[in-house]
Amino acid sequence: MPRQTKPLPRPVARALRTAGEHFSTWRRLQRLTAEQVADRAGVSRGTVRRLEAGEGVSLESTLRVARALGVLEQLVTSLDPYTTDVGRLRADEELPQRVRPARQRSDG
């Protein structure tokens, strides 16, 4: 039985398109073809094209392309939670090993 997926939320679809446009711009700024980037990244040209079109590819492929374009560190750094207000406020706290859902109290 095929796995059903939920519809793509609009903000996610918009982020895919925007990120794809950015990857495309990085590639063109460096005067590289999609095939050259694909070869350097170890992915197919179709994967590069899908990424640039905002169609979504695996995280691994995205990171491979980012590395091939020389923007891997920028991408990873942009995800650093300690650059946010919440992250800075909680920087000195010890993070839990696991986060479990809060138990609901029974009124009884």
Protein backbone atom coordinates (compact mmCIF):
# COMPACT_ATOMS: atom_id res chain seq x y z
CA MET A 1 0.00 0.00 0.00
CA PRO A 2 1.54 3.39 -0.97
CA ARG A 3 2.37 5.74 1.85
CA GLN A 4 0.07 8.74 1.99
CA THR A 5 1.61 12.11 2.66
CA LYS A 6 -0.01 15.26 3.90
CA PRO A 7 -0.28 18.22 1.53
CA LEU A 8 2.76 20.46 1.55
CA PRO A 9 2.17 23.51 3.77
CA ARG A 10 2.41 26.79 1.84
CA PRO A 11 5.32 28.15 3.90
CA VAL A 12 7.29 24.97 3.16
CA ALA A 13 6.50 25.14 -0.55
CA ARG A 14 7.53 28.81 -0.58
CA ALA A 15 10.78 27.99 1.25
CA LEU A 16 11.55 25.21 -1.25
CA ARG A 17 11.06 27.63 -4.15
CA THR A 18 13.13 30.37 -2.53
CA ALA A 19 15.96 28.02 -1.54
CA GLY A 20 15.92 26.58 -5.06
CA GLU A 21 16.22 30.05 -6.54
CA HIS A 22 19.15 30.77 -4.21
CA PHE A 23 20.93 27.55 -5.21
CA SER A 24 20.38 28.41 -8.86
CA THR A 25 21.75 31.92 -8.34
CA TRP A 26 24.83 30.60 -6.51
CA ARG A 27 25.47 28.19 -9.39
CA ARG A 28 25.10 30.88 -12.05
CA LEU A 29 27.23 33.39 -10.12
CA GLN A 30 30.02 30.82 -10.26
CA ARG A 31 29.38 30.22 -13.98
CA LEU A 32 28.75 26.52 -13.40
CA THR A 33 26.38 24.30 -15.32
CA ALA A 34 23.93 22.06 -13.50
CA GLU A 35 25.94 19.11 -14.81
CA GLN A 36 29.17 20.49 -13.31
CA VAL A 37 27.52 21.00 -9.93
CA ALA A 38 25.97 17.54 -10.08
CA ASP A 39 29.35 15.99 -10.87
CA ARG A 40 31.05 17.86 -8.00
CA ALA A 41 28.22 16.98 -5.60
CA GLY A 42 27.98 13.32 -6.61
CA VAL A 43 24.30 13.60 -7.53
CA SER A 44 22.42 13.50 -10.81
CA ARG A 45 21.79 16.55 -12.97
CA GLY A 46 18.07 15.89 -12.43
CA THR A 47 18.57 16.22 -8.67
CA VAL A 48 20.20 19.62 -9.15
CA ARG A 49 17.38 20.68 -11.46
CA ARG A 50 14.70 19.50 -8.98
CA LEU A 51 16.44 21.31 -6.13
CA GLU A 52 16.63 24.53 -8.15
CA ALA A 53 12.99 24.16 -9.21
CA GLY A 54 11.89 23.95 -5.58
CA GLU A 55 10.60 20.41 -5.97
CA GLY A 56 12.49 19.13 -2.98
CA VAL A 57 15.26 16.58 -2.74
CA SER A 58 16.77 14.72 0.18
CA LEU A 59 18.62 16.64 2.85
CA GLU A 60 21.78 14.74 1.96
CA SER A 61 21.54 15.82 -1.68
CA THR A 62 20.85 19.40 -0.63
CA LEU A 63 23.94 19.42 1.56
CA ARG A 64 26.03 17.83 -1.19
CA VAL A 65 25.00 20.57 -3.62
CA ALA A 66 25.64 23.25 -0.98
CA ARG A 67 29.13 21.85 -0.50
CA ALA A 68 29.76 21.81 -4.25
CA LEU A 69 28.75 25.47 -4.38
CA GLY A 70 30.87 26.42 -1.37
CA VAL A 71 27.93 27.39 0.84
CA LEU A 72 27.68 24.36 3.11
CA GLU A 73 29.07 26.12 6.18
CA GLN A 74 26.70 29.08 5.67
CA LEU A 75 23.74 26.72 5.45
CA VAL A 76 24.71 24.74 8.53
CA THR A 77 25.50 27.90 10.51
CA SER A 78 22.09 29.34 9.64
CA LEU A 79 20.52 26.45 11.56
CA ASP A 80 22.51 27.09 14.75
CA PRO A 81 19.90 27.37 17.52
CA TYR A 82 22.22 29.42 19.71
CA THR A 83 22.06 32.36 17.29
CA THR A 84 18.39 32.86 18.21
CA ASP A 85 17.02 34.77 21.19
CA VAL A 86 15.65 31.59 22.77
CA GLY A 87 18.91 29.76 22.16
CA ARG A 88 20.96 32.53 23.74
CA LEU A 89 18.61 32.69 26.75
CA ARG A 90 18.94 28.96 27.33
CA ALA A 91 22.58 28.57 26.33
CA ASP A 92 23.68 27.87 29.89
CA GLU A 93 20.95 25.30 30.58
CA GLU A 94 21.65 21.62 30.27
CA LEU A 95 19.59 20.20 27.42
CA PRO A 96 17.51 17.13 28.18
CA GLN A 97 18.58 13.89 26.51
CA ARG A 98 14.95 13.27 25.49
CA VAL A 99 11.84 15.38 25.36
CA ARG A 100 8.64 13.59 26.22
CA PRO A 101 5.11 14.92 25.85
CA ALA A 102 3.70 16.47 28.99
CA ARG A 103 1.37 14.17 30.91
CA GLN A 104 -2.21 15.32 31.09
CA ARG A 105 -3.57 15.58 34.58
CA SER A 106 -6.78 13.77 35.26
CA ASP A 107 -9.33 15.74 37.18
CA GLY A 108 -10.84 13.04 39.18
